[in-house]
Amino acid sequence: MERNETKKAVAAIVVTYNRLEMLRQCVEALRAQTTACDILVVDNASTDGTAETLQAMERVGKIQYRNTGANLGGAGGFHYGMRWAVEAGYRYVWIMDDDCLPNPDALEKLLKADSVLGGPENYGFLSSSVLWTDGRECVMNRQKIAKDFYRHVELLKHGVIQIQQATFVSLLFPRESILRFGLPIKEFFIWGDDIEYTRRMAVRGNTPCYLAGQSQVIHTTKNNTGSNISLDDVDRIDRYFYAFRNEAYLYRQEGIQGRTYCFAKRCRDFLRIMRYGKPKWPRFGILFKGIWSGFFFRPKVEYIHPDECEIHDRRML
């Protein structure tokens, strides 16, 4: 896809909250893409000068800025941004956090994988390879490879492999996937919204989804470790409430196998806190609070009606 193709081909959605310097770097990486995209920045009501800076950048072109007016969390921000892009008529929606730095050809390689697969009607989403700042795999963004990936083993020569889940760090969605499967659940606020959404397509929706390994991005997290309530700083453990609550909903959708998996994860968390947690009781409190809340958590999936979109093509449904 060349730079002079369809005006509304790809919208890059970036969700931000009080990380202006990271956002600047992300936007510059998007501006440097070998395949052009419009940049849609969703600001969760930052107070660090993001609004003034982005409004100034908006006048340069290729950047559009909206302030949500409140901190909707990552889940609410992506819900907002993906609705914005689809209703505006973009054919593809490319989403990422503000601490994601795509390689210059990251989008080009995603669209190459789209071509290898025969177009957007043949998959639910594409995921980039996510590296940390030292060039190694970013542990928290590891995709889950589909057990039956060998059914499409011929794709490996293109660096493409079928997966079951991925995180919201460089995912490309055809607009028809979003119309079909709905939007991320905004009530998740943070944590698990990406796993729920990608599994909604790949697992419960039985739609092939893929890792496009030649598309690479850097995720500039503070450290390259997974989440662990037993070891995390005590001033950060409150956010684990959302993990435990949201995962209760997520795996409840996948029957007895999902419920069993979730139960095993919570048992592991309990044992980790028993062994490593210091102090233990605040961590246990968050664990049990999240589990209890998960029993009653019943958010609804929202869908975009095609009549709400600027470009309405019923062939996409």
Protein backbone atom coordinates (compact mmCIF):
# COMPACT_ATOMS: atom_id res chain seq x y z
CA MET A 1 0.00 0.00 0.00
CA GLU A 2 1.56 3.26 -1.12
CA ARG A 3 1.27 6.64 0.50
CA ASN A 4 -1.15 7.93 -2.14
CA GLU A 5 -3.76 5.18 -1.64
CA THR A 6 -7.21 5.50 -0.05
CA LYS A 7 -7.36 8.51 2.21
CA LYS A 8 -9.07 6.59 5.02
CA ALA A 9 -7.10 3.35 4.77
CA VAL A 10 -5.51 3.04 8.24
CA ALA A 11 -6.15 4.83 11.52
CA ALA A 12 -3.51 4.41 14.22
CA ILE A 13 -5.24 4.70 17.61
CA VAL A 14 -3.03 5.78 20.51
CA VAL A 15 -4.47 5.93 24.04
CA THR A 16 -2.64 8.18 26.46
CA TYR A 17 -2.82 9.43 30.03
CA ASN A 18 -0.24 11.77 31.56
CA ARG A 19 2.75 10.45 29.62
CA LEU A 20 3.44 13.30 27.24
CA GLU A 21 7.08 12.49 26.48
CA MET A 22 6.29 8.86 25.69
CA LEU A 23 3.39 10.02 23.54
CA ARG A 24 5.66 12.36 21.56
CA GLN A 25 7.98 9.48 20.76
CA CYS A 26 5.10 7.22 19.76
CA VAL A 27 3.62 9.87 17.46
CA GLU A 28 6.99 10.49 15.81
CA ALA A 29 7.40 6.75 15.22
CA LEU A 30 3.97 6.70 13.59
CA ARG A 31 4.82 9.71 11.44
CA ALA A 32 7.94 7.88 10.25
CA GLN A 33 6.04 4.82 8.95
CA THR A 34 6.88 3.73 5.41
CA THR A 35 3.13 3.28 4.86
CA ALA A 36 1.09 6.33 5.76
CA CYS A 37 -1.61 6.27 8.42
CA ASP A 38 -3.74 8.87 10.15
CA ILE A 39 -2.96 9.19 13.85
CA LEU A 40 -5.95 9.41 16.22
CA VAL A 41 -4.92 10.24 19.79
CA VAL A 42 -7.38 9.44 22.58
CA ASP A 43 -6.48 11.40 25.72
CA ASN A 44 -7.97 10.15 28.99
CA ALA A 45 -8.07 13.71 30.39
CA SER A 46 -4.33 14.15 30.97
CA THR A 47 -3.17 17.03 33.15
CA ASP A 48 0.45 17.22 31.93
CA GLY A 49 0.02 19.52 28.93
CA THR A 50 -0.99 16.75 26.52
CA ALA A 51 -4.07 18.64 25.31
CA GLU A 52 -2.18 21.83 24.41
CA THR A 53 0.67 19.92 22.76
CA LEU A 54 -1.56 17.67 20.66
CA GLN A 55 -3.85 20.48 19.62
CA ALA A 56 -0.79 22.27 18.26
CA MET A 57 0.42 19.10 16.51
CA GLU A 58 -3.07 18.55 15.09
CA ARG A 59 -2.72 21.65 12.95
CA VAL A 60 0.28 20.09 11.17
CA GLY A 61 -1.95 17.34 9.76
CA LYS A 62 -2.21 13.53 9.97
CA ILE A 63 -2.98 13.84 13.70
CA GLN A 64 -6.44 14.06 15.17
CA TYR A 65 -6.95 14.59 18.89
CA ARG A 66 -9.86 13.98 21.23
CA ASN A 67 -10.06 14.37 24.98
CA THR A 68 -12.45 11.91 26.62
CA GLY A 69 -13.07 14.29 29.52
CA ALA A 70 -12.31 11.63 32.15
CA ASN A 71 -9.86 8.82 32.82
CA LEU A 72 -11.60 5.88 31.16
CA GLY A 73 -8.64 3.57 31.62
CA GLY A 74 -7.03 1.70 28.77
CA ALA A 75 -10.19 -0.31 28.13
CA GLY A 76 -12.39 2.77 27.89
CA GLY A 77 -9.82 4.59 25.78
CA PHE A 78 -9.58 1.83 23.18
CA HIS A 79 -13.36 1.44 23.19
CA TYR A 80 -13.64 5.17 22.46
CA GLY A 81 -10.89 5.22 19.83
CA MET A 82 -12.01 2.16 17.89
CA ARG A 83 -15.56 3.47 17.71
CA TRP A 84 -14.21 6.80 16.49
CA ALA A 85 -12.14 5.19 13.73
CA VAL A 86 -14.83 2.81 12.50
CA GLU A 87 -17.53 5.48 12.48
CA ALA A 88 -15.14 7.73 10.54
CA GLY A 89 -14.87 5.07 7.84
CA TYR A 90 -11.31 3.76 8.17
CA ARG A 91 -10.74 0.37 6.61
CA TYR A 92 -8.15 -0.75 9.17
CA VAL A 93 -7.70 0.20 12.83
CA TRP A 94 -4.19 -0.12 14.30
CA ILE A 95 -4.12 0.23 18.08
CA MET A 96 -1.37 0.72 20.67
CA ASP A 97 -0.47 2.30 24.00
CA ASP A 98 1.52 5.54 24.15
CA ASP A 99 4.68 3.68 25.22
CA CYS A 100 4.78 1.65 21.99
CA LEU A 101 7.43 2.53 19.40
CA PRO A 102 6.73 0.83 16.05
CA ASN A 103 9.65 0.17 13.71
CA PRO A 104 9.37 2.32 10.56
CA ASP A 105 8.06 -0.64 8.53
CA ALA A 106 5.78 -2.08 11.25
CA LEU A 107 2.56 -1.11 9.48
CA GLU A 108 3.95 -2.05 6.07
CA LYS A 109 4.70 -5.56 7.38
CA LEU A 110 1.24 -5.90 8.93
CA LEU A 111 -0.36 -5.02 5.61
CA LYS A 112 1.99 -7.44 3.85
CA ALA A 113 0.67 -10.19 6.14
CA ASP A 114 -2.86 -9.04 5.31
CA SER A 115 -2.01 -9.58 1.62
CA VAL A 116 -0.46 -13.00 2.28
CA LEU A 117 -3.67 -14.05 4.03
CA GLY A 118 -5.79 -12.90 1.11
CA GLY A 119 -7.33 -9.77 2.64
CA PRO A 120 -9.26 -8.65 5.71
CA GLU A 121 -12.12 -11.09 5.27
CA ASN A 122 -9.79 -13.98 6.14
CA TYR A 123 -8.77 -13.07 9.70
CA GLY A 124 -9.88 -11.30 12.86
CA PHE A 125 -6.72 -9.38 13.77
CA LEU A 126 -2.96 -9.24 13.20
CA SER A 127 -0.41 -8.76 15.99
CA SER A 128 3.13 -7.40 15.75
CA SER A 129 6.15 -8.95 17.47
CA VAL A 130 6.65 -6.95 20.68
CA LEU A 131 10.23 -6.42 21.87
CA TRP A 132 11.58 -4.74 24.98
CA THR A 133 14.12 -1.92 24.93
CA ASP A 134 17.06 -4.37 24.84
CA GLY A 135 15.74 -6.16 21.75
CA ARG A 136 14.51 -9.25 23.57
CA GLU A 137 10.89 -10.40 23.77
CA CYS A 138 8.67 -8.21 25.94
CA VAL A 139 7.38 -10.80 28.40
CA MET A 140 4.08 -9.12 29.25
CA ASN A 141 3.07 -9.00 25.57
CA ARG A 142 3.67 -12.64 24.68
CA GLN A 143 1.04 -13.95 22.29
CA LYS A 144 -0.51 -17.38 22.78
CA ILE A 145 0.14 -19.63 19.80
CA ALA A 146 -2.83 -21.67 18.56
CA LYS A 147 -2.39 -25.38 19.27
CA ASP A 148 -3.37 -26.27 15.71
CA PHE A 149 -1.18 -23.64 14.03
CA TYR A 150 0.37 -26.40 11.92
CA ARG A 151 -2.80 -26.47 9.82
CA HIS A 152 -1.42 -23.30 8.24
CA VAL A 153 2.27 -24.19 8.51
CA GLU A 154 2.81 -22.83 4.99
CA LEU A 155 2.50 -19.32 6.46
CA LEU A 156 5.66 -19.68 8.53
CA LYS A 157 7.85 -18.78 5.56
CA HIS A 158 6.16 -15.36 5.65
CA GLY A 159 6.69 -15.00 9.41
CA VAL A 160 2.96 -15.50 10.03
CA ILE A 161 1.59 -17.93 12.64
CA GLN A 162 -1.90 -18.43 14.03
CA ILE A 163 -2.52 -17.25 17.60
CA GLN A 164 -5.31 -17.29 20.18
CA GLN A 165 -4.69 -14.07 22.08
CA ALA A 166 -2.55 -10.93 22.14
CA THR A 167 -2.26 -7.62 23.96
CA PHE A 168 -3.22 -4.14 22.77
CA VAL A 169 0.36 -3.29 21.78
CA SER A 170 0.24 -3.04 17.99
CA LEU A 171 -2.83 -4.91 16.80
CA LEU A 172 -4.34 -4.36 13.35
CA PHE A 173 -8.09 -4.90 12.98
CA PRO A 174 -10.08 -4.78 9.75
CA ARG A 175 -13.16 -2.64 10.36
CA GLU A 176 -15.43 -5.60 9.55
CA SER A 177 -13.96 -7.51 12.52
CA ILE A 178 -14.94 -4.68 14.86
CA LEU A 179 -18.41 -4.45 13.32
CA ARG A 180 -18.86 -8.20 13.75
CA PHE A 181 -17.43 -8.71 17.24
CA GLY A 182 -18.16 -5.36 18.86
CA LEU A 183 -15.89 -3.14 20.91
CA PRO A 184 -13.60 -3.82 23.89
CA ILE A 185 -15.50 -3.82 27.18
CA LYS A 186 -15.01 -0.34 28.61
CA GLU A 187 -16.08 -1.42 32.12
CA PHE A 188 -12.88 -3.47 32.42
CA PHE A 189 -11.11 -0.10 32.91
CA ILE A 190 -7.65 -1.70 32.91
CA TRP A 191 -6.30 -5.22 32.72
CA GLY A 192 -7.61 -8.09 30.66
CA ASP A 193 -9.60 -6.05 28.14
CA ASP A 194 -7.15 -7.04 25.40
CA ILE A 195 -7.14 -10.75 26.29
CA GLU A 196 -10.95 -10.82 26.47
CA TYR A 197 -11.29 -9.01 23.15
CA THR A 198 -8.75 -11.06 21.20
CA ARG A 199 -10.10 -14.34 22.61
CA ARG A 200 -13.62 -13.16 21.74
CA MET A 201 -12.48 -13.25 18.13
CA ALA A 202 -9.94 -16.06 18.01
CA VAL A 203 -11.34 -18.57 20.52
CA ARG A 204 -15.04 -17.98 21.14
CA GLY A 205 -15.56 -16.52 17.66
CA ASN A 206 -13.53 -19.31 15.99
CA THR A 207 -11.92 -16.76 13.66
CA PRO A 208 -8.28 -17.23 12.59
CA CYS A 209 -5.99 -14.51 13.97
CA TYR A 210 -2.26 -14.19 13.42
CA LEU A 211 1.10 -12.95 14.64
CA ALA A 212 2.87 -11.11 11.82
CA GLY A 213 6.41 -11.74 13.03
CA GLN A 214 8.13 -9.42 10.57
CA SER A 215 6.23 -6.44 12.01
CA GLN A 216 8.10 -5.31 15.12
CA VAL A 217 7.51 -2.73 17.82
CA ILE A 218 9.30 -1.80 21.03
CA HIS A 219 7.33 -1.58 24.26
CA THR A 220 9.17 0.83 26.56
CA THR A 221 7.96 -0.55 29.89
CA LYS A 222 9.95 0.16 33.05
CA ASN A 223 11.02 -3.47 33.38
CA ASN A 224 10.66 -6.66 31.40
CA THR A 225 8.76 -8.86 33.83
CA GLY A 226 5.23 -10.17 33.97
CA SER A 227 2.71 -9.08 36.57
CA ASN A 228 2.88 -10.67 40.02
CA ILE A 229 0.88 -9.36 42.98
CA SER A 230 3.15 -11.12 45.45
CA LEU A 231 6.24 -9.18 44.30
CA ASP A 232 4.87 -5.88 43.01
CA ASP A 233 5.30 -2.67 45.03
CA VAL A 234 2.59 -2.33 47.65
CA ASP A 235 1.51 1.04 46.24
CA ARG A 236 0.69 -0.69 42.93
CA ILE A 237 -1.32 -3.66 44.16
CA ASP A 238 -4.73 -1.93 44.05
CA ARG A 239 -4.78 -2.29 40.25
CA TYR A 240 -4.72 -6.09 40.58
CA PHE A 241 -8.36 -5.85 41.67
CA TYR A 242 -9.24 -5.28 38.02
CA ALA A 243 -7.19 -8.28 36.92
CA PHE A 244 -8.97 -10.67 39.28
CA ARG A 245 -12.44 -9.24 38.65
CA ASN A 246 -12.07 -9.03 34.87
CA GLU A 247 -10.57 -12.49 34.47
CA ALA A 248 -13.51 -13.95 36.38
CA TYR A 249 -15.79 -12.57 33.67
CA LEU A 250 -13.43 -13.46 30.82
CA TYR A 251 -12.98 -17.14 31.63
CA ARG A 252 -16.61 -17.58 32.67
CA GLN A 253 -17.38 -17.11 28.97
CA GLU A 254 -15.33 -20.20 28.10
CA GLY A 255 -17.20 -22.84 30.07
CA ILE A 256 -15.81 -25.35 32.51
CA GLN A 257 -12.35 -25.29 30.94
CA GLY A 258 -12.12 -21.52 31.35
CA ARG A 259 -13.44 -21.60 34.90
CA THR A 260 -10.97 -24.31 35.85
CA TYR A 261 -8.09 -22.33 34.36
CA CYS A 262 -9.13 -19.19 36.25
CA PHE A 263 -9.44 -21.13 39.51
CA ALA A 264 -5.94 -22.53 39.03
CA LYS A 265 -4.53 -19.04 38.42
CA ARG A 266 -6.10 -17.71 41.62
CA CYS A 267 -4.74 -20.66 43.60
CA ARG A 268 -1.30 -19.87 42.21
CA ASP A 269 -1.69 -16.22 43.27
CA PHE A 270 -2.70 -17.31 46.78
CA LEU A 271 0.35 -19.57 47.12
CA ARG A 272 2.67 -16.89 45.74
CA ILE A 273 1.43 -14.37 48.30
CA MET A 274 1.82 -16.94 51.08
CA ARG A 275 5.43 -17.52 50.09
CA TYR A 276 6.69 -14.17 48.80
CA GLY A 277 4.22 -11.42 49.74
CA LYS A 278 5.48 -8.68 52.05
CA PRO A 279 3.22 -7.45 53.54
CA LYS A 280 0.79 -10.31 52.94
CA TRP A 281 -2.60 -9.11 54.17
CA PRO A 282 -3.11 -6.13 51.83
CA ARG A 283 -2.34 -8.46 48.93
CA PHE A 284 -4.76 -11.09 50.15
CA GLY A 285 -7.36 -8.35 50.56
CA ILE A 286 -7.07 -7.30 46.91
CA LEU A 287 -7.12 -10.93 45.77
CA PHE A 288 -10.33 -11.81 47.63
CA LYS A 289 -12.00 -8.50 46.79
CA GLY A 290 -11.38 -9.03 43.07
CA ILE A 291 -12.56 -12.64 43.15
CA TRP A 292 -15.75 -11.70 45.01
CA SER A 293 -16.51 -8.82 42.67
CA GLY A 294 -15.97 -11.11 39.69
CA PHE A 295 -18.96 -13.25 40.67
CA PHE A 296 -21.27 -10.29 40.05
CA PHE A 297 -19.47 -8.56 37.17
CA ARG A 298 -21.76 -8.67 34.10
CA PRO A 299 -20.68 -6.02 31.57
CA LYS A 300 -22.29 -5.88 28.13
CA VAL A 301 -20.51 -5.88 24.79
CA GLU A 302 -21.33 -2.79 22.71
CA TYR A 303 -21.65 -2.94 18.94
CA ILE A 304 -21.39 -0.26 16.26
CA HIS A 305 -24.37 -0.11 13.94
CA PRO A 306 -23.11 0.31 10.35
CA ASP A 307 -25.58 3.14 9.75
CA GLU A 308 -23.53 5.20 12.23
CA CYS A 309 -20.47 5.04 9.96
CA GLU A 310 -19.45 7.61 7.37
CA ILE A 311 -18.71 4.79 4.91
CA HIS A 312 -21.44 2.17 4.91
CA ASP A 313 -20.72 -1.04 3.02
CA ARG A 314 -23.05 -3.93 3.82
CA ARG A 315 -20.65 -6.36 2.19
CA MET A 316 -18.51 -6.00 5.32
CA LEU A 317 -21.19 -7.53 7.56
